[in-house]
Each structure stands twice: as C-alpha cells, then as structure tokens.
Amino acid sequence: MSPVAAGTRIRLAEAEALAEELRTLLGPVCLQIEVAGSVRRQRPDIGDIELLAIPLWQTRLDLFGESNQPPISQLETLCAELIRDGTFELRLDVNGRHAVGPKYKRLRFRGTGVDLFTAHPDNWGLLMVIRTGPAGYSKRLVTPQRHGGWLPGHLVVKDGFVWSLAAEHKPGEKVPIPNEGSLYALLGREFDQPEDRRDP
C-alpha cells in the first residue's frame, strides 16, 4: 500500500481505544509496551498516538542448534508483516519521507498517525519521560543545568542513554534508568504526573 500523508486530530477517548488496540496487537512481541505522548498526558484532542516498546528478541539457530547470527527483533518482524498486509500504512513527514527504522516507525493505523519508538531496559525511564513530552519539557530534561535545564553537570544524554562524564567531558559509564522514578531521583526532582507536564 502506498504511503499516506498527515491526517486529522481525534478526541482523547477515541485515541485511548486505538492505543489499547495497538498494545494488544503488539504486546505479544514486546517485553514492555506503553502509551506515551499526548494520550498519556490526557490532552483533549490528539494528533497521533505515541508508543514506547522494548522488543522481544529471537535467537537464530543453525542446523546444529548453535547461534552464530544476530538475534531478530520480533517486534520488527511483526511490524513488517502488518505493513505488508495493510494493517499499518506508512506515514509521510512534511517533507514526504517515511520512517520505518528499528528505533522509530512513523505509521498510520485505522486512519490515525502512530509513532512507535523502541527502548532498552536500561533507558526505558529516560525515553518514557522524553516520549511523553511535551517537547519543551523533554528538552529541559536533557539540557545541562548550566544552560537552564535539569540535567546535573556530571551527566550527559547521548544515543538515548544517560552517561556519567569521564575525563575530557566524554561519556564514561552508562547509568541505568529502568523507570521514570529513577530518572527523577537522579535529577533530584519530584515526580511529575504525566498530565501535569507542561512546556516551560
């Protein structure tokens, strides 16, 4: 099926129902999958549905029962099937481009835009806060305190993970952020409920 351009906004209740349908559809191939974005923030009208998922991985064995190839993301496999059979359509950005990479897919489901992001257990909390948004809130989260953000000076966000700074201001040790609470604790901030998160 050919890619489709941007659509119209929908009401929150309709978006929640579609999001739950998507979680049910994709859940069997995910270690974890949750709704993020404006649906999670309970905004009254929704432009698209954002989901964050940790895929399950399948080990590939040869004829002798040994693994000598990289594992396959079961989520990636299922999404490819759903695109082929028309359940998902490719969604274009404003420049007419589509996105179907392993970290981000821009899709359409039952006429509504879907942004599907993938995470790792060590960055789930960070990406959940970032993908819940809104954009200004997320930007402040990853901006160093010396530049007006919330990130302590000994930390840096790079490639979707939080790192402690080593010598010469280069990322050193990865800091696991398995949930949102651990991120807020690291920042020394009280937990903000999703519906209370606002742009500065």
C-alpha atoms as a PDB file:
ATOM      1  CA  MET A   1       0.000   0.000   0.000  1.00  0.00           C
ATOM      2  CA  SER A   2       1.321   3.479  -0.798  1.00  0.00           C
ATOM      3  CA  PRO A   3       2.347   5.913   1.961  1.00  0.00           C
ATOM      4  CA  VAL A   4      -0.266   8.317   3.323  1.00  0.00           C
ATOM      5  CA  ALA A   5       0.143  11.930   4.429  1.00  0.00           C
ATOM      6  CA  ALA A   6      -0.870  13.531   7.745  1.00  0.00           C
ATOM      7  CA  GLY A   7      -4.482  13.228   8.896  1.00  0.00           C
ATOM      8  CA  THR A   8      -6.863  14.966  11.281  1.00  0.00           C
ATOM      9  CA  ARG A   9      -6.916  15.155  15.062  1.00  0.00           C
ATOM     10  CA  ILE A  10      -9.136  12.866  17.133  1.00  0.00           C
ATOM     11  CA  ARG A  11     -10.669  13.045  20.598  1.00  0.00           C
ATOM     12  CA  LEU A  12      -8.865  11.556  23.587  1.00  0.00           C
ATOM     13  CA  ALA A  13     -11.349   8.709  24.163  1.00  0.00           C
ATOM     14  CA  GLU A  14     -11.003   7.506  20.576  1.00  0.00           C
ATOM     15  CA  ALA A  15      -7.206   7.745  20.781  1.00  0.00           C
ATOM     16  CA  GLU A  16      -7.153   5.753  24.030  1.00  0.00           C
ATOM     17  CA  ALA A  17      -9.221   2.991  22.450  1.00  0.00           C
ATOM     18  CA  LEU A  18      -6.926   2.804  19.415  1.00  0.00           C
ATOM     19  CA  ALA A  19      -3.840   2.868  21.647  1.00  0.00           C
ATOM     20  CA  GLU A  20      -5.140  -0.057  23.671  1.00  0.00           C
ATOM     21  CA  GLU A  21      -5.893  -1.955  20.470  1.00  0.00           C
ATOM     22  CA  LEU A  22      -2.304  -1.352  19.366  1.00  0.00           C
ATOM     23  CA  ARG A  23      -0.918  -2.523  22.719  1.00  0.00           C
ATOM     24  CA  THR A  24      -2.943  -5.712  22.380  1.00  0.00           C
ATOM     25  CA  LEU A  25      -1.756  -6.219  18.804  1.00  0.00           C
ATOM     26  CA  LEU A  26       1.944  -5.625  19.503  1.00  0.00           C
ATOM     27  CA  GLY A  27       2.142  -6.751  23.122  1.00  0.00           C
ATOM     28  CA  PRO A  28       2.945 -10.441  22.433  1.00  0.00           C
ATOM     29  CA  VAL A  29       6.250  -9.462  20.765  1.00  0.00           C
ATOM     30  CA  CYS A  30       7.267  -6.919  23.427  1.00  0.00           C
ATOM     31  CA  LEU A  31       8.849  -7.217  26.825  1.00  0.00           C
ATOM     32  CA  GLN A  32       7.068  -3.963  27.631  1.00  0.00           C
ATOM     33  CA  ILE A  33       4.887  -1.564  25.667  1.00  0.00           C
ATOM     34  CA  GLU A  34       3.168   1.586  26.935  1.00  0.00           C
ATOM     35  CA  VAL A  35       1.331   4.610  25.587  1.00  0.00           C
ATOM     36  CA  ALA A  36       3.238   7.904  25.706  1.00  0.00           C
ATOM     37  CA  GLY A  37       2.766  11.351  24.146  1.00  0.00           C
ATOM     38  CA  SER A  38      -0.342  13.497  24.393  1.00  0.00           C
ATOM     39  CA  VAL A  39      -2.570  10.472  25.066  1.00  0.00           C
ATOM     40  CA  ARG A  40      -0.623   9.757  28.259  1.00  0.00           C
ATOM     41  CA  ARG A  41      -0.773  13.457  29.161  1.00  0.00           C
ATOM     42  CA  GLN A  42      -4.572  13.257  28.744  1.00  0.00           C
ATOM     43  CA  ARG A  43      -4.823  16.093  26.241  1.00  0.00           C
ATOM     44  CA  PRO A  44      -8.381  16.545  24.939  1.00  0.00           C
ATOM     45  CA  ASP A  45      -7.539  16.173  21.247  1.00  0.00           C
ATOM     46  CA  ILE A  46      -4.775  14.025  19.772  1.00  0.00           C
ATOM     47  CA  GLY A  47      -2.720  14.396  16.604  1.00  0.00           C
ATOM     48  CA  ASP A  48      -1.091  10.965  16.780  1.00  0.00           C
ATOM     49  CA  ILE A  49      -0.579   8.044  19.143  1.00  0.00           C
ATOM     50  CA  GLU A  50       2.897   7.511  20.566  1.00  0.00           C
ATOM     51  CA  LEU A  51       4.000   4.108  21.853  1.00  0.00           C
ATOM     52  CA  LEU A  52       7.246   3.076  23.514  1.00  0.00           C
ATOM     53  CA  ALA A  53       8.223  -0.601  23.391  1.00  0.00           C
ATOM     54  CA  ILE A  54      11.010  -2.928  24.446  1.00  0.00           C
ATOM     55  CA  PRO A  55      11.040  -5.663  21.782  1.00  0.00           C
ATOM     56  CA  LEU A  56      11.409  -9.358  22.435  1.00  0.00           C
ATOM     57  CA  TRP A  57      14.335 -10.874  20.553  1.00  0.00           C
ATOM     58  CA  GLN A  58      14.503 -14.266  18.864  1.00  0.00           C
ATOM     59  CA  THR A  59      17.775 -16.151  18.708  1.00  0.00           C
ATOM     60  CA  ARG A  60      18.535 -17.697  15.317  1.00  0.00           C
ATOM     61  CA  LEU A  61      19.987 -21.213  15.463  1.00  0.00           C
ATOM     62  CA  ASP A  62      21.809 -23.090  12.729  1.00  0.00           C
ATOM     63  CA  LEU A  63      21.312 -26.787  11.854  1.00  0.00           C
ATOM     64  CA  PHE A  64      23.495 -27.763  14.802  1.00  0.00           C
ATOM     65  CA  GLY A  65      21.491 -25.737  17.307  1.00  0.00           C
ATOM     66  CA  GLU A  66      24.125 -23.052  17.673  1.00  0.00           C
ATOM     67  CA  SER A  67      23.637 -19.305  17.464  1.00  0.00           C
ATOM     68  CA  ASN A  68      26.053 -17.583  15.102  1.00  0.00           C
ATOM     69  CA  GLN A  69      23.827 -14.771  13.816  1.00  0.00           C
ATOM     70  CA  PRO A  70      22.455 -11.626  15.494  1.00  0.00           C
ATOM     71  CA  PRO A  71      19.053 -12.106  17.164  1.00  0.00           C
ATOM     72  CA  ILE A  72      15.939 -10.816  15.390  1.00  0.00           C
ATOM     73  CA  SER A  73      13.508  -8.318  16.905  1.00  0.00           C
ATOM     74  CA  GLN A  74      10.099  -9.989  16.988  1.00  0.00           C
ATOM     75  CA  LEU A  75       8.514  -6.529  17.007  1.00  0.00           C
ATOM     76  CA  GLU A  76      10.369  -5.660  13.796  1.00  0.00           C
ATOM     77  CA  THR A  77       9.173  -8.871  12.162  1.00  0.00           C
ATOM     78  CA  LEU A  78       5.536  -8.329  13.170  1.00  0.00           C
ATOM     79  CA  CYS A  79       5.516  -4.684  12.054  1.00  0.00           C
ATOM     80  CA  ALA A  80       6.864  -5.683   8.645  1.00  0.00           C
ATOM     81  CA  GLU A  81       4.036  -8.215   8.328  1.00  0.00           C
ATOM     82  CA  LEU A  82       1.430  -5.637   9.389  1.00  0.00           C
ATOM     83  CA  ILE A  83       2.745  -3.164   6.810  1.00  0.00           C
ATOM     84  CA  ARG A  84       2.629  -5.821   4.089  1.00  0.00           C
ATOM     85  CA  ASP A  85      -0.955  -6.837   4.873  1.00  0.00           C
ATOM     86  CA  GLY A  86      -2.189  -3.227   5.123  1.00  0.00           C
ATOM     87  CA  THR A  87      -2.936  -3.158   8.861  1.00  0.00           C
ATOM     88  CA  PHE A  88      -0.276  -0.449   9.140  1.00  0.00           C
ATOM     89  CA  GLU A  89       0.341   2.175   6.464  1.00  0.00           C
ATOM     90  CA  LEU A  90       3.499   4.215   6.070  1.00  0.00           C
ATOM     91  CA  ARG A  91       3.042   7.839   7.129  1.00  0.00           C
ATOM     92  CA  LEU A  92       4.954  10.643   5.462  1.00  0.00           C
ATOM     93  CA  ASP A  93       6.502  13.622   7.217  1.00  0.00           C
ATOM     94  CA  VAL A  94       6.146  17.187   5.951  1.00  0.00           C
ATOM     95  CA  ASN A  95       8.997  16.566   3.501  1.00  0.00           C
ATOM     96  CA  GLY A  96       7.335  13.482   2.007  1.00  0.00           C
ATOM     97  CA  ARG A  97       9.651  10.971   3.706  1.00  0.00           C
ATOM     98  CA  HIS A  98       8.701   7.819   5.594  1.00  0.00           C
ATOM     99  CA  ALA A  99      10.427   6.250   8.618  1.00  0.00           C
ATOM    100  CA  VAL A 100      10.476   2.518   9.364  1.00  0.00           C
ATOM    101  CA  GLY A 101      13.783   2.017  11.177  1.00  0.00           C
ATOM    102  CA  PRO A 102      14.462  -0.225  14.181  1.00  0.00           C
ATOM    103  CA  LYS A 103      14.297   2.692  16.674  1.00  0.00           C
ATOM    104  CA  TYR A 104      11.373   4.626  15.190  1.00  0.00           C
ATOM    105  CA  LYS A 105       8.469   3.904  12.893  1.00  0.00           C
ATOM    106  CA  ARG A 106       6.042   6.521  11.558  1.00  0.00           C
ATOM    107  CA  LEU A 107       2.843   4.647  10.772  1.00  0.00           C
ATOM    108  CA  ARG A 108      -0.890   5.003  10.354  1.00  0.00           C
ATOM    109  CA  PHE A 109      -3.442   2.695  11.975  1.00  0.00           C
ATOM    110  CA  ARG A 110      -7.163   2.932  11.197  1.00  0.00           C
ATOM    111  CA  GLY A 111      -6.616   6.426   9.788  1.00  0.00           C
ATOM    112  CA  THR A 112      -4.691   7.752  12.817  1.00  0.00           C
ATOM    113  CA  GLY A 113      -0.981   8.526  12.975  1.00  0.00           C
ATOM    114  CA  VAL A 114       1.190   6.255  15.132  1.00  0.00           C
ATOM    115  CA  ASP A 115       4.743   6.941  16.299  1.00  0.00           C
ATOM    116  CA  LEU A 116       6.342   3.707  17.524  1.00  0.00           C
ATOM    117  CA  PHE A 117       9.630   4.090  19.417  1.00  0.00           C
ATOM    118  CA  THR A 118      11.777   1.291  20.810  1.00  0.00           C
ATOM    119  CA  ALA A 119      13.735   1.261  24.060  1.00  0.00           C
ATOM    120  CA  HIS A 120      16.127  -0.901  26.089  1.00  0.00           C
ATOM    121  CA  PRO A 121      15.589  -1.885  29.753  1.00  0.00           C
ATOM    122  CA  ASP A 122      18.449   0.479  30.689  1.00  0.00           C
ATOM    123  CA  ASN A 123      16.873   3.553  29.079  1.00  0.00           C
ATOM    124  CA  TRP A 124      13.155   2.841  29.446  1.00  0.00           C
ATOM    125  CA  GLY A 125      12.639   5.518  32.134  1.00  0.00           C
ATOM    126  CA  LEU A 126      14.506   8.195  30.181  1.00  0.00           C
ATOM    127  CA  LEU A 127      12.704   7.531  26.899  1.00  0.00           C
ATOM    128  CA  MET A 128       9.316   7.237  28.593  1.00  0.00           C
ATOM    129  CA  VAL A 129       9.657  10.743  30.034  1.00  0.00           C
ATOM    130  CA  ILE A 130      11.030  12.135  26.764  1.00  0.00           C
ATOM    131  CA  ARG A 131       8.343  10.496  24.611  1.00  0.00           C
ATOM    132  CA  THR A 132       5.566  11.537  26.968  1.00  0.00           C
ATOM    133  CA  GLY A 133       6.639  15.155  26.457  1.00  0.00           C
ATOM    134  CA  PRO A 134       5.686  17.821  25.711  1.00  0.00           C
ATOM    135  CA  ALA A 135       8.682  18.852  23.614  1.00  0.00           C
ATOM    136  CA  GLY A 136       9.812  21.784  25.768  1.00  0.00           C
ATOM    137  CA  TYR A 137       9.621  19.683  28.923  1.00  0.00           C
ATOM    138  CA  SER A 138      11.667  16.909  27.298  1.00  0.00           C
ATOM    139  CA  LYS A 139      14.274  19.386  26.048  1.00  0.00           C
ATOM    140  CA  ARG A 140      14.703  20.826  29.522  1.00  0.00           C
ATOM    141  CA  LEU A 141      15.176  17.331  30.879  1.00  0.00           C
ATOM    142  CA  VAL A 142      18.237  16.626  28.710  1.00  0.00           C
ATOM    143  CA  THR A 143      19.702  20.141  28.914  1.00  0.00           C
ATOM    144  CA  PRO A 144      22.526  20.677  31.441  1.00  0.00           C
ATOM    145  CA  GLN A 145      21.721  22.785  34.493  1.00  0.00           C
ATOM    146  CA  ARG A 146      24.383  25.326  33.470  1.00  0.00           C
ATOM    147  CA  HIS A 147      22.269  26.017  30.366  1.00  0.00           C
ATOM    148  CA  GLY A 148      18.964  26.284  32.233  1.00  0.00           C
ATOM    149  CA  GLY A 149      17.947  22.626  32.128  1.00  0.00           C
ATOM    150  CA  TRP A 150      17.583  19.943  34.778  1.00  0.00           C
ATOM    151  CA  LEU A 151      20.490  17.612  33.954  1.00  0.00           C
ATOM    152  CA  PRO A 152      23.263  17.673  36.585  1.00  0.00           C
ATOM    153  CA  GLY A 153      26.688  18.661  35.311  1.00  0.00           C
ATOM    154  CA  HIS A 154      28.236  15.212  35.813  1.00  0.00           C
ATOM    155  CA  LEU A 155      25.713  13.575  33.434  1.00  0.00           C
ATOM    156  CA  VAL A 156      25.112  13.632  29.694  1.00  0.00           C
ATOM    157  CA  VAL A 157      22.366  12.170  27.484  1.00  0.00           C
ATOM    158  CA  LYS A 158      23.792  10.552  24.363  1.00  0.00           C
ATOM    159  CA  ASP A 159      22.340   7.987  21.934  1.00  0.00           C
ATOM    160  CA  GLY A 160      19.222   7.622  24.081  1.00  0.00           C
ATOM    161  CA  PHE A 161      21.051   6.748  27.324  1.00  0.00           C
ATOM    162  CA  VAL A 162      22.243   8.645  30.381  1.00  0.00           C
ATOM    163  CA  TRP A 163      26.012   8.548  30.918  1.00  0.00           C
ATOM    164  CA  SER A 164      28.252   9.789  33.701  1.00  0.00           C
ATOM    165  CA  LEU A 165      31.001  12.028  32.395  1.00  0.00           C
ATOM    166  CA  ALA A 166      34.521  10.660  32.292  1.00  0.00           C
ATOM    167  CA  ALA A 167      37.716  12.615  31.632  1.00  0.00           C
ATOM    168  CA  GLU A 168      37.637  15.329  28.948  1.00  0.00           C
ATOM    169  CA  HIS A 169      33.835  15.555  29.147  1.00  0.00           C
ATOM    170  CA  LYS A 170      33.303  12.334  27.220  1.00  0.00           C
ATOM    171  CA  PRO A 171      30.624   9.775  28.149  1.00  0.00           C
ATOM    172  CA  GLY A 172      32.012   7.242  30.595  1.00  0.00           C
ATOM    173  CA  GLU A 173      29.803   4.781  32.459  1.00  0.00           C
ATOM    174  CA  LYS A 174      26.205   4.181  31.389  1.00  0.00           C
ATOM    175  CA  VAL A 175      23.655   4.994  34.115  1.00  0.00           C
ATOM    176  CA  PRO A 176      20.691   2.566  34.008  1.00  0.00           C
ATOM    177  CA  ILE A 177      17.295   4.319  34.071  1.00  0.00           C
ATOM    178  CA  PRO A 178      14.819   1.410  34.268  1.00  0.00           C
ATOM    179  CA  ASN A 179      11.800   3.575  35.170  1.00  0.00           C
ATOM    180  CA  GLU A 180      10.697   7.190  35.342  1.00  0.00           C
ATOM    181  CA  GLY A 181      11.087   7.366  39.120  1.00  0.00           C
ATOM    182  CA  SER A 182      14.780   6.546  38.879  1.00  0.00           C
ATOM    183  CA  LEU A 183      15.253   9.407  36.404  1.00  0.00           C
ATOM    184  CA  TYR A 184      13.524  11.973  38.618  1.00  0.00           C
ATOM    185  CA  ALA A 185      15.602  10.765  41.590  1.00  0.00           C
ATOM    186  CA  LEU A 186      18.782  11.194  39.539  1.00  0.00           C
ATOM    187  CA  LEU A 187      17.708  14.736  38.642  1.00  0.00           C
ATOM    188  CA  GLY A 188      16.805  15.496  42.274  1.00  0.00           C
ATOM    189  CA  ARG A 189      13.250  16.404  41.285  1.00  0.00           C
ATOM    190  CA  GLU A 190       9.809  15.444  42.495  1.00  0.00           C
ATOM    191  CA  PHE A 191       7.932  13.114  40.142  1.00  0.00           C
ATOM    192  CA  ASP A 192       5.635  14.999  37.766  1.00  0.00           C
ATOM    193  CA  GLN A 193       2.446  13.172  36.824  1.00  0.00           C
ATOM    194  CA  PRO A 194       2.150  12.967  33.015  1.00  0.00           C
ATOM    195  CA  GLU A 195      -0.923  15.217  32.892  1.00  0.00           C
ATOM    196  CA  ASP A 196       0.999  17.916  34.839  1.00  0.00           C
ATOM    197  CA  ARG A 197       3.972  18.040  32.456  1.00  0.00           C
ATOM    198  CA  ARG A 198       3.998  21.322  30.553  1.00  0.00           C
ATOM    199  CA  ASP A 199       6.319  23.261  28.293  1.00  0.00           C
ATOM    200  CA  PRO A 200       8.313  25.888  30.229  1.00  0.00           C
END
